[in-house]
C-alpha atoms as a PDB file:
ATOM      1  CA  MET A   1      -0.160  -0.245  -0.025  1.00  0.00           C
ATOM      2  CA  LEU A   2       1.064   3.408  -0.706  1.00  0.00           C
ATOM      3  CA  ASP A   3       2.012   5.809   2.038  1.00  0.00           C
ATOM      4  CA  PRO A   4      -0.012   8.988   2.033  1.00  0.00           C
ATOM      5  CA  ALA A   5       2.912  11.107   3.710  1.00  0.00           C
ATOM      6  CA  ARG A   6       5.141   9.840   0.772  1.00  0.00           C
ATOM      7  CA  LEU A   7       2.680  10.708  -1.756  1.00  0.00           C
ATOM      8  CA  ARG A   8       2.903  14.232  -0.256  1.00  0.00           C
ATOM      9  CA  LEU A   9       6.445  14.380  -0.621  1.00  0.00           C
ATOM     10  CA  LEU A  10       5.531  13.154  -4.383  1.00  0.00           C
ATOM     11  CA  ARG A  11       3.320  16.021  -4.825  1.00  0.00           C
ATOM     12  CA  GLU A  12       5.820  18.322  -3.483  1.00  0.00           C
ATOM     13  CA  PHE A  13       8.256  17.558  -5.923  1.00  0.00           C
ATOM     14  CA  ALA A  14       6.111  17.671  -8.834  1.00  0.00           C
ATOM     15  CA  GLU A  15       5.660  21.178  -7.884  1.00  0.00           C
ATOM     16  CA  TYR A  16       9.165  22.447  -6.619  1.00  0.00           C
ATOM     17  CA  GLY A  17      11.240  20.120  -8.891  1.00  0.00           C
ATOM     18  CA  THR A  18      14.321  19.614  -6.760  1.00  0.00           C
ATOM     19  CA  MET A  19      15.007  17.319  -3.259  1.00  0.00           C
ATOM     20  CA  THR A  20      16.256  20.409  -1.788  1.00  0.00           C
ATOM     21  CA  ALA A  21      13.484  22.549  -2.659  1.00  0.00           C
ATOM     22  CA  VAL A  22      10.807  19.780  -0.928  1.00  0.00           C
ATOM     23  CA  ALA A  23      13.120  19.364   2.146  1.00  0.00           C
ATOM     24  CA  ASP A  24      12.983  23.518   2.513  1.00  0.00           C
ATOM     25  CA  VAL A  25       9.057  23.369   2.136  1.00  0.00           C
ATOM     26  CA  CYS A  26       8.568  20.488   4.217  1.00  0.00           C
ATOM     27  CA  GLY A  27      11.102  21.060   7.004  1.00  0.00           C
ATOM     28  CA  MET A  28      13.065  17.933   6.226  1.00  0.00           C
ATOM     29  CA  THR A  29      16.830  17.214   5.018  1.00  0.00           C
ATOM     30  CA  SER A  30      17.371  16.280   1.488  1.00  0.00           C
ATOM     31  CA  SER A  31      18.497  13.183   2.396  1.00  0.00           C
ATOM     32  CA  ALA A  32      15.160  12.323   4.328  1.00  0.00           C
ATOM     33  CA  VAL A  33      13.310  13.357   1.418  1.00  0.00           C
ATOM     34  CA  SER A  34      15.418  11.167  -1.207  1.00  0.00           C
ATOM     35  CA  GLN A  35      15.124   8.276   1.144  1.00  0.00           C
ATOM     36  CA  GLN A  36      11.341   8.606   1.501  1.00  0.00           C
ATOM     37  CA  LEU A  37      11.015   8.755  -1.951  1.00  0.00           C
ATOM     38  CA  ALA A  38      13.181   5.802  -2.430  1.00  0.00           C
ATOM     39  CA  THR A  39      10.987   3.847  -0.526  1.00  0.00           C
ATOM     40  CA  LEU A  40       7.620   5.190  -2.404  1.00  0.00           C
ATOM     41  CA  GLU A  41       9.385   3.997  -5.565  1.00  0.00           C
ATOM     42  CA  ARG A  42       9.878   0.671  -4.032  1.00  0.00           C
ATOM     43  CA  GLU A  43       6.353   0.241  -2.754  1.00  0.00           C
ATOM     44  CA  ALA A  44       5.052   1.316  -6.304  1.00  0.00           C
ATOM     45  CA  GLY A  45       7.124  -1.140  -8.071  1.00  0.00           C
ATOM     46  CA  VAL A  46       7.873   1.140 -10.971  1.00  0.00           C
ATOM     47  CA  PRO A  47      10.500   3.476 -11.984  1.00  0.00           C
ATOM     48  CA  LEU A  48       9.259   7.156 -10.626  1.00  0.00           C
ATOM     49  CA  PHE A  49      12.215   9.137 -11.214  1.00  0.00           C
ATOM     50  CA  GLU A  50      14.671   9.229 -13.815  1.00  0.00           C
ATOM     51  CA  ARG A  51      18.374  11.217 -14.255  1.00  0.00           C
ATOM     52  CA  ALA A  52      18.092  14.026 -16.322  1.00  0.00           C
ATOM     53  CA  GLY A  53      21.916  15.326 -16.269  1.00  0.00           C
ATOM     54  CA  ARG A  54      22.969  15.974 -12.651  1.00  0.00           C
ATOM     55  CA  ARG A  55      19.423  16.362 -12.014  1.00  0.00           C
ATOM     56  CA  VAL A  56      16.381  13.967 -11.493  1.00  0.00           C
ATOM     57  CA  ARG A  57      13.008  14.080 -12.914  1.00  0.00           C
ATOM     58  CA  LEU A  58       9.681  12.523 -12.772  1.00  0.00           C
ATOM     59  CA  THR A  59       9.064   9.621 -15.313  1.00  0.00           C
ATOM     60  CA  ALA A  60       5.710   9.058 -17.279  1.00  0.00           C
ATOM     61  CA  GLU A  61       4.854   6.698 -14.492  1.00  0.00           C
ATOM     62  CA  GLY A  62       5.706   9.159 -11.411  1.00  0.00           C
ATOM     63  CA  ARG A  63       3.523  11.886 -13.158  1.00  0.00           C
ATOM     64  CA  ARG A  64       0.834   9.612 -13.403  1.00  0.00           C
ATOM     65  CA  LEU A  65       1.073   8.529 -10.028  1.00  0.00           C
ATOM     66  CA  VAL A  66       1.147  12.258  -9.173  1.00  0.00           C
ATOM     67  CA  GLY A  67      -2.212  12.813 -10.701  1.00  0.00           C
ATOM     68  CA  HIS A  68      -3.497   9.953  -8.222  1.00  0.00           C
ATOM     69  CA  ALA A  69      -1.557  11.418  -5.165  1.00  0.00           C
ATOM     70  CA  HIS A  70      -3.694  14.655  -5.541  1.00  0.00           C
ATOM     71  CA  ILE A  71      -6.961  12.950  -5.754  1.00  0.00           C
ATOM     72  CA  VAL A  72      -5.963  10.355  -2.535  1.00  0.00           C
ATOM     73  CA  LEU A  73      -4.468  13.362  -0.598  1.00  0.00           C
ATOM     74  CA  ASN A  74      -7.619  15.602  -1.375  1.00  0.00           C
ATOM     75  CA  ALA A  75     -10.096  12.688  -0.473  1.00  0.00           C
ATOM     76  CA  LEU A  76      -7.772  12.244   2.552  1.00  0.00           C
ATOM     77  CA  ASP A  77      -8.074  16.041   3.557  1.00  0.00           C
ATOM     78  CA  ALA A  78     -11.686  16.024   3.247  1.00  0.00           C
ATOM     79  CA  ALA A  79     -12.287  12.995   5.109  1.00  0.00           C
ATOM     80  CA  GLU A  80     -10.265  14.465   8.185  1.00  0.00           C
ATOM     81  CA  GLU A  81     -11.940  17.665   7.984  1.00  0.00           C
ATOM     82  CA  ASP A  82     -15.561  16.024   8.014  1.00  0.00           C
ATOM     83  CA  LEU A  83     -14.902  13.799  10.654  1.00  0.00           C
ATOM     84  CA  ARG A  84     -13.113  16.459  12.689  1.00  0.00           C
ATOM     85  CA  SER A  85     -15.402  19.315  11.862  1.00  0.00           C
ATOM     86  CA  ALA A  86     -18.117  18.464  14.622  1.00  0.00           C
ATOM     87  CA  PRO A  87     -18.321  20.776  17.566  1.00  0.00           C
ATOM     88  CA  THR A  88     -17.495  18.024  20.084  1.00  0.00           C
ATOM     89  CA  PRO A  89     -13.755  17.261  19.889  1.00  0.00           C
ATOM     90  CA  ARG A  90     -13.486  13.492  19.166  1.00  0.00           C
ATOM     91  CA  GLY A  91     -11.323  11.069  17.340  1.00  0.00           C
ATOM     92  CA  PRO A  92      -7.393  10.799  17.204  1.00  0.00           C
ATOM     93  CA  VAL A  93      -5.087  13.316  18.237  1.00  0.00           C
ATOM     94  CA  ARG A  94      -1.719  12.790  17.295  1.00  0.00           C
ATOM     95  CA  VAL A  95       0.783  14.582  19.293  1.00  0.00           C
ATOM     96  CA  ALA A  96       4.672  14.732  18.948  1.00  0.00           C
ATOM     97  CA  CYS A  97       6.127  16.051  22.195  1.00  0.00           C
ATOM     98  CA  PHE A  98       9.715  16.512  23.832  1.00  0.00           C
ATOM     99  CA  ALA A  99       9.996  14.390  27.041  1.00  0.00           C
ATOM    100  CA  THR A 100      10.071  17.246  29.508  1.00  0.00           C
ATOM    101  CA  ALA A 101       7.016  18.876  28.297  1.00  0.00           C
ATOM    102  CA  ALA A 102       5.192  15.503  27.958  1.00  0.00           C
ATOM    103  CA  VAL A 103       5.692  14.911  31.416  1.00  0.00           C
ATOM    104  CA  HIS A 104       5.001  18.402  32.793  1.00  0.00           C
ATOM    105  CA  ARG A 105       2.241  19.642  30.344  1.00  0.00           C
ATOM    106  CA  LEU A 106       0.903  16.709  27.918  1.00  0.00           C
ATOM    107  CA  LEU A 107       0.204  13.955  30.417  1.00  0.00           C
ATOM    108  CA  PRO A 108      -1.697  16.192  32.921  1.00  0.00           C
ATOM    109  CA  ALA A 109      -3.966  17.496  29.742  1.00  0.00           C
ATOM    110  CA  ILE A 110      -4.413  14.009  28.601  1.00  0.00           C
ATOM    111  CA  ALA A 111      -5.522  13.240  32.224  1.00  0.00           C
ATOM    112  CA  VAL A 112      -8.098  15.968  32.187  1.00  0.00           C
ATOM    113  CA  ALA A 113      -9.255  15.266  28.470  1.00  0.00           C
ATOM    114  CA  ARG A 114     -10.256  11.781  29.748  1.00  0.00           C
ATOM    115  CA  THR A 115     -13.140  13.366  31.785  1.00  0.00           C
ATOM    116  CA  ARG A 116     -13.590  16.457  29.942  1.00  0.00           C
ATOM    117  CA  HIS A 117     -13.524  15.078  26.410  1.00  0.00           C
ATOM    118  CA  PRO A 118     -14.103  11.273  26.627  1.00  0.00           C
ATOM    119  CA  GLU A 119     -14.381  10.884  22.728  1.00  0.00           C
ATOM    120  CA  LEU A 120     -11.033  12.432  22.290  1.00  0.00           C
ATOM    121  CA  ASN A 121      -8.338   9.673  21.684  1.00  0.00           C
ATOM    122  CA  VAL A 122      -4.544  11.304  22.468  1.00  0.00           C
ATOM    123  CA  ILE A 123      -1.790   9.266  20.602  1.00  0.00           C
ATOM    124  CA  VAL A 124       1.606  10.586  21.796  1.00  0.00           C
ATOM    125  CA  TYR A 125       4.779  10.300  19.952  1.00  0.00           C
ATOM    126  CA  GLU A 126       7.972  11.195  21.900  1.00  0.00           C
ATOM    127  CA  LEU A 127      10.128  13.473  19.534  1.00  0.00           C
ATOM    128  CA  GLU A 128      12.422  16.196  19.576  1.00  0.00           C
ATOM    129  CA  PRO A 129      11.394  19.529  18.337  1.00  0.00           C
ATOM    130  CA  ARG A 130      13.216  19.118  14.216  1.00  0.00           C
ATOM    131  CA  PRO A 131      11.601  15.629  14.029  1.00  0.00           C
ATOM    132  CA  ALA A 132       8.177  16.698  15.474  1.00  0.00           C
ATOM    133  CA  ILE A 133       7.937  19.455  12.973  1.00  0.00           C
ATOM    134  CA  GLU A 134       8.723  17.277   9.809  1.00  0.00           C
ATOM    135  CA  ALA A 135       6.021  14.712  11.274  1.00  0.00           C
ATOM    136  CA  LEU A 136       3.612  17.775  11.403  1.00  0.00           C
ATOM    137  CA  ARG A 137       4.582  18.773   7.826  1.00  0.00           C
ATOM    138  CA  GLY A 138       4.392  15.358   6.576  1.00  0.00           C
ATOM    139  CA  GLY A 139       1.007  14.827   8.127  1.00  0.00           C
ATOM    140  CA  SER A 140       1.782  12.061  10.383  1.00  0.00           C
ATOM    141  CA  CYS A 141       1.186  14.147  13.415  1.00  0.00           C
ATOM    142  CA  ASP A 142      -1.829  16.863  14.367  1.00  0.00           C
ATOM    143  CA  LEU A 143       0.077  18.476  16.957  1.00  0.00           C
ATOM    144  CA  ALA A 144       3.652  19.214  17.719  1.00  0.00           C
ATOM    145  CA  ILE A 145       4.813  20.575  20.809  1.00  0.00           C
ATOM    146  CA  THR A 146       8.328  22.170  20.388  1.00  0.00           C
ATOM    147  CA  PHE A 147      11.022  24.695  21.950  1.00  0.00           C
ATOM    148  CA  VAL A 148      13.320  27.229  20.791  1.00  0.00           C
ATOM    149  CA  TYR A 149      16.073  28.666  22.795  1.00  0.00           C
ATOM    150  CA  SER A 150      16.329  32.216  22.780  1.00  0.00           C
ATOM    151  CA  LEU A 151      19.945  32.184  21.382  1.00  0.00           C
ATOM    152  CA  ILE A 152      19.069  30.050  18.460  1.00  0.00           C
ATOM    153  CA  PRO A 153      15.784  31.698  17.115  1.00  0.00           C
ATOM    154  CA  GLU A 154      13.813  29.925  14.546  1.00  0.00           C
ATOM    155  CA  ASP A 155      11.025  31.142  12.116  1.00  0.00           C
ATOM    156  CA  VAL A 156       7.848  29.338  11.907  1.00  0.00           C
ATOM    157  CA  PRO A 157       7.655  26.917   8.983  1.00  0.00           C
ATOM    158  CA  PRO A 158       5.332  27.770   6.245  1.00  0.00           C
ATOM    159  CA  GLY A 159       1.553  26.692   6.555  1.00  0.00           C
ATOM    160  CA  VAL A 160       1.993  26.202  10.402  1.00  0.00           C
ATOM    161  CA  SER A 161       0.737  28.378  12.987  1.00  0.00           C
ATOM    162  CA  ARG A 162       2.156  28.577  16.442  1.00  0.00           C
ATOM    163  CA  ARG A 163       0.661  29.054  20.062  1.00  0.00           C
ATOM    164  CA  LEU A 164       3.496  29.961  23.089  1.00  0.00           C
ATOM    165  CA  LEU A 165       2.741  27.640  25.953  1.00  0.00           C
ATOM    166  CA  GLY A 166       5.326  28.756  28.362  1.00  0.00           C
ATOM    167  CA  ALA A 167       8.925  30.061  28.932  1.00  0.00           C
ATOM    168  CA  GLU A 168      11.835  28.991  31.333  1.00  0.00           C
ATOM    169  CA  PRO A 169      15.438  30.272  32.173  1.00  0.00           C
ATOM    170  CA  ILE A 170      18.147  28.026  31.379  1.00  0.00           C
ATOM    171  CA  MET A 171      20.070  27.299  35.012  1.00  0.00           C
ATOM    172  CA  ILE A 172      24.018  25.930  35.113  1.00  0.00           C
ATOM    173  CA  ALA A 173      24.126  22.467  36.914  1.00  0.00           C
ATOM    174  CA  LEU A 174      27.214  22.382  39.276  1.00  0.00           C
ATOM    175  CA  PRO A 175      28.646  20.408  41.977  1.00  0.00           C
ATOM    176  CA  ALA A 176      27.208  21.757  45.351  1.00  0.00           C
ATOM    177  CA  GLY A 177      30.647  22.325  46.481  1.00  0.00           C
ATOM    178  CA  HIS A 178      31.859  23.984  43.714  1.00  0.00           C
ATOM    179  CA  PRO A 179      33.130  27.563  44.445  1.00  0.00           C
ATOM    180  CA  GLY A 180      30.948  29.162  41.847  1.00  0.00           C
ATOM    181  CA  ALA A 181      27.990  27.771  43.211  1.00  0.00           C
ATOM    182  CA  THR A 182      27.178  30.335  45.582  1.00  0.00           C
ATOM    183  CA  GLY A 183      24.747  32.478  43.465  1.00  0.00           C
ATOM    184  CA  ALA A 184      24.344  33.736  40.177  1.00  0.00           C
ATOM    185  CA  VAL A 185      27.298  32.212  38.061  1.00  0.00           C
ATOM    186  CA  ASP A 186      29.467  34.115  35.524  1.00  0.00           C
ATOM    187  CA  LEU A 187      30.231  31.967  32.747  1.00  0.00           C
ATOM    188  CA  ARG A 188      33.763  33.155  32.416  1.00  0.00           C
ATOM    189  CA  VAL A 189      34.664  31.821  35.946  1.00  0.00           C
ATOM    190  CA  LEU A 190      34.057  28.431  34.245  1.00  0.00           C
ATOM    191  CA  ARG A 191      36.101  28.695  31.132  1.00  0.00           C
ATOM    192  CA  GLU A 192      38.643  26.176  32.285  1.00  0.00           C
ATOM    193  CA  GLU A 193      36.139  23.534  33.555  1.00  0.00           C
ATOM    194  CA  PRO A 194      35.095  20.638  31.916  1.00  0.00           C
ATOM    195  CA  TRP A 195      31.578  20.669  30.245  1.00  0.00           C
ATOM    196  CA  ILE A 196      28.674  18.264  29.619  1.00  0.00           C
ATOM    197  CA  ALA A 197      26.737  19.167  26.487  1.00  0.00           C
ATOM    198  CA  GLY A 198      24.075  17.536  24.444  1.00  0.00           C
ATOM    199  CA  SER A 199      24.796  15.424  21.208  1.00  0.00           C
ATOM    200  CA  GLN A 200      26.779  17.011  18.247  1.00  0.00           C
ATOM    201  CA  GLY A 201      24.301  18.578  15.965  1.00  0.00           C
ATOM    202  CA  THR A 202      21.552  19.004  18.670  1.00  0.00           C
ATOM    203  CA  THR A 203      20.101  22.666  19.393  1.00  0.00           C
ATOM    204  CA  ASP A 204      21.443  21.847  23.318  1.00  0.00           C
ATOM    205  CA  HIS A 205      24.967  21.481  21.986  1.00  0.00           C
ATOM    206  CA  GLU A 206      24.766  24.625  19.865  1.00  0.00           C
ATOM    207  CA  MET A 207      23.069  26.447  22.623  1.00  0.00           C
ATOM    208  CA  LEU A 208      25.937  25.716  25.007  1.00  0.00           C
ATOM    209  CA  HIS A 209      28.463  26.924  22.467  1.00  0.00           C
ATOM    210  CA  ARG A 210      26.690  30.333  21.791  1.00  0.00           C
ATOM    211  CA  ALA A 211      26.294  30.906  25.720  1.00  0.00           C
ATOM    212  CA  CYS A 212      29.955  30.477  26.132  1.00  0.00           C
ATOM    213  CA  GLY A 213      31.035  32.089  23.023  1.00  0.00           C
ATOM    214  CA  LEU A 214      28.691  35.437  24.348  1.00  0.00           C
ATOM    215  CA  ALA A 215      31.221  35.062  27.508  1.00  0.00           C
ATOM    216  CA  GLY A 216      34.306  35.239  25.488  1.00  0.00           C
ATOM    217  CA  PHE A 217      35.854  31.479  25.400  1.00  0.00           C
ATOM    218  CA  ARG A 218      35.004  28.006  23.819  1.00  0.00           C
ATOM    219  CA  PRO A 219      33.566  25.439  26.491  1.00  0.00           C
ATOM    220  CA  ASN A 220      36.134  22.524  26.820  1.00  0.00           C
ATOM    221  CA  VAL A 221      33.259  19.601  25.902  1.00  0.00           C
ATOM    222  CA  ILE A 222      34.182  16.367  27.428  1.00  0.00           C
ATOM    223  CA  HIS A 223      30.928  14.641  27.700  1.00  0.00           C
ATOM    224  CA  THR A 224      27.678  14.490  25.610  1.00  0.00           C
ATOM    225  CA  ALA A 225      24.446  13.233  26.839  1.00  0.00           C
ATOM    226  CA  ASP A 226      21.062  14.088  25.978  1.00  0.00           C
ATOM    227  CA  ASP A 227      19.017  12.891  28.817  1.00  0.00           C
ATOM    228  CA  TYR A 228      19.012  15.757  31.659  1.00  0.00           C
ATOM    229  CA  ALA A 229      18.801  13.271  34.679  1.00  0.00           C
ATOM    230  CA  LEU A 230      21.872  11.499  33.186  1.00  0.00           C
ATOM    231  CA  VAL A 231      23.679  15.080  32.914  1.00  0.00           C
ATOM    232  CA  LEU A 232      22.604  15.981  36.420  1.00  0.00           C
ATOM    233  CA  ARG A 233      24.064  12.801  37.552  1.00  0.00           C
ATOM    234  CA  MET A 234      27.362  13.128  35.586  1.00  0.00           C
ATOM    235  CA  VAL A 235      27.592  16.958  36.984  1.00  0.00           C
ATOM    236  CA  ARG A 236      27.018  15.124  40.574  1.00  0.00           C
ATOM    237  CA  GLU A 237      30.130  12.608  39.955  1.00  0.00           C
ATOM    238  CA  GLY A 238      32.386  15.580  38.983  1.00  0.00           C
ATOM    239  CA  LEU A 239      32.361  15.115  35.230  1.00  0.00           C
ATOM    240  CA  GLY A 240      31.711  18.790  34.289  1.00  0.00           C
ATOM    241  CA  ALA A 241      29.327  21.394  34.378  1.00  0.00           C
ATOM    242  CA  GLY A 242      25.859  21.624  32.282  1.00  0.00           C
ATOM    243  CA  LEU A 243      23.256  23.545  30.965  1.00  0.00           C
ATOM    244  CA  VAL A 244      19.382  22.448  32.075  1.00  0.00           C
ATOM    245  CA  PRO A 245      16.421  24.297  31.769  1.00  0.00           C
ATOM    246  CA  GLU A 246      14.788  25.084  35.074  1.00  0.00           C
ATOM    247  CA  LEU A 247      11.706  22.836  34.397  1.00  0.00           C
ATOM    248  CA  VAL A 248      14.200  19.898  34.989  1.00  0.00           C
ATOM    249  CA  SER A 249      14.180  20.476  38.655  1.00  0.00           C
ATOM    250  CA  THR A 250      10.410  19.507  38.701  1.00  0.00           C
ATOM    251  CA  VAL A 251      10.211  16.816  36.007  1.00  0.00           C
ATOM    252  CA  VAL A 252      13.600  14.843  36.962  1.00  0.00           C
ATOM    253  CA  GLY A 253      14.343  16.357  40.157  1.00  0.00           C
ATOM    254  CA  VAL A 254      17.553  17.511  41.209  1.00  0.00           C
ATOM    255  CA  PRO A 255      20.096  14.953  43.200  1.00  0.00           C
ATOM    256  CA  ASP A 256      21.643  15.500  46.245  1.00  0.00           C
ATOM    257  CA  GLY A 257      24.884  17.087  45.444  1.00  0.00           C
ATOM    258  CA  VAL A 258      23.941  19.087  42.556  1.00  0.00           C
ATOM    259  CA  VAL A 259      22.700  22.944  42.505  1.00  0.00           C
ATOM    260  CA  LEU A 260      21.105  24.680  39.727  1.00  0.00           C
ATOM    261  CA  ARG A 261      22.057  28.260  39.927  1.00  0.00           C
ATOM    262  CA  PRO A 262      21.149  31.306  37.222  1.00  0.00           C
ATOM    263  CA  ILE A 263      23.535  32.532  34.967  1.00  0.00           C
ATOM    264  CA  SER A 264      24.376  36.055  35.289  1.00  0.00           C
ATOM    265  CA  THR A 265      26.531  36.562  31.993  1.00  0.00           C
ATOM    266  CA  VAL A 266      23.669  36.064  29.520  1.00  0.00           C
ATOM    267  CA  GLU A 267      20.224  35.371  29.667  1.00  0.00           C
ATOM    268  CA  ILE A 268      18.926  32.264  28.375  1.00  0.00           C
ATOM    269  CA  THR A 269      15.354  30.966  27.855  1.00  0.00           C
ATOM    270  CA  ARG A 270      13.447  27.874  26.387  1.00  0.00           C
ATOM    271  CA  THR A 271       9.980  28.877  25.005  1.00  0.00           C
ATOM    272  CA  THR A 272       7.620  25.877  24.459  1.00  0.00           C
ATOM    273  CA  HIS A 273       5.102  26.169  21.212  1.00  0.00           C
ATOM    274  CA  ALA A 274       2.206  24.287  20.328  1.00  0.00           C
ATOM    275  CA  LEU A 275       2.632  24.041  16.595  1.00  0.00           C
ATOM    276  CA  VAL A 276      -0.343  23.067  14.067  1.00  0.00           C
ATOM    277  CA  ARG A 277      -1.140  22.731  10.407  1.00  0.00           C
ATOM    278  CA  THR A 278      -4.748  22.312  10.723  1.00  0.00           C
ATOM    279  CA  VAL A 279      -6.810  23.627  13.608  1.00  0.00           C
ATOM    280  CA  THR A 280      -9.850  21.435  14.211  1.00  0.00           C
ATOM    281  CA  PRO A 281     -12.204  21.065  17.662  1.00  0.00           C
ATOM    282  CA  ALA A 282      -9.875  18.107  18.708  1.00  0.00           C
ATOM    283  CA  VAL A 283      -6.660  19.726  18.235  1.00  0.00           C
ATOM    284  CA  ASN A 284      -8.010  23.153  19.470  1.00  0.00           C
ATOM    285  CA  ALA A 285      -9.294  21.676  22.998  1.00  0.00           C
ATOM    286  CA  MET A 286      -5.594  19.784  23.229  1.00  0.00           C
ATOM    287  CA  ILE A 287      -4.239  23.425  23.113  1.00  0.00           C
ATOM    288  CA  GLU A 288      -6.636  24.807  25.651  1.00  0.00           C
ATOM    289  CA  LEU A 289      -5.583  22.043  28.014  1.00  0.00           C
ATOM    290  CA  LEU A 290      -1.634  22.258  27.475  1.00  0.00           C
ATOM    291  CA  LEU A 291      -2.710  26.129  28.338  1.00  0.00           C
ATOM    292  CA  SER A 292      -4.604  25.357  31.189  1.00  0.00           C
END
């Protein structure tokens, strides 16, 4: 069976003509678009693309499938709109959400929804912001809960609307006995310290480098970890300092021997948003619960 999300990518390719352009429109990487369309070609069982010099173009079969894709996707969009247009929130709502927001906001909202909107069925996918946006643009989720750091502003993708859910400061995690842990921390006093950063390529990794860059030095990143509970325990063991959102103290808990302190050198915030492509009563109900 042909996958509707891949048919959407094929339709975009027919309109924009290159994998790079489709990637930009859909908030994906070029390699991800190429892989998805290669999978669609295998599913179709016929060549959909052919080389034309250094570029790729649709074959006759590919153009025929684009025509079918318009019919199928328009019908699916109409079906979703019909099923979800009732004033009573009902049906599945697929939510892509990063872990700390899932614990702090999404799960409590789901608990309330069970009583307030018993016909609403929430499906949760744990995804970091960039994959969540890809899922939203590709049609595999209805609502994406994402974050941005103040040091790494990002524009809202085309065709997507955004609602503010909240903001929190970024704190520095240090061992309790560290001489710099007595109050607000000037990052410059930690220029010789080892650091724990998010994995290479993540916004957490980039955020640390930008923050330290504004303080006039390049951080000595020794360890990488994406799980905040692990980061805090690594700090407790003296492996380095780390930057974490304030919400971590509520969601994960700060272990004995670790303190979270504000940063005096530069103000860094993490802002959480709800992103939607199509607003329905069900999606709107979930957003209202997330805001409550």
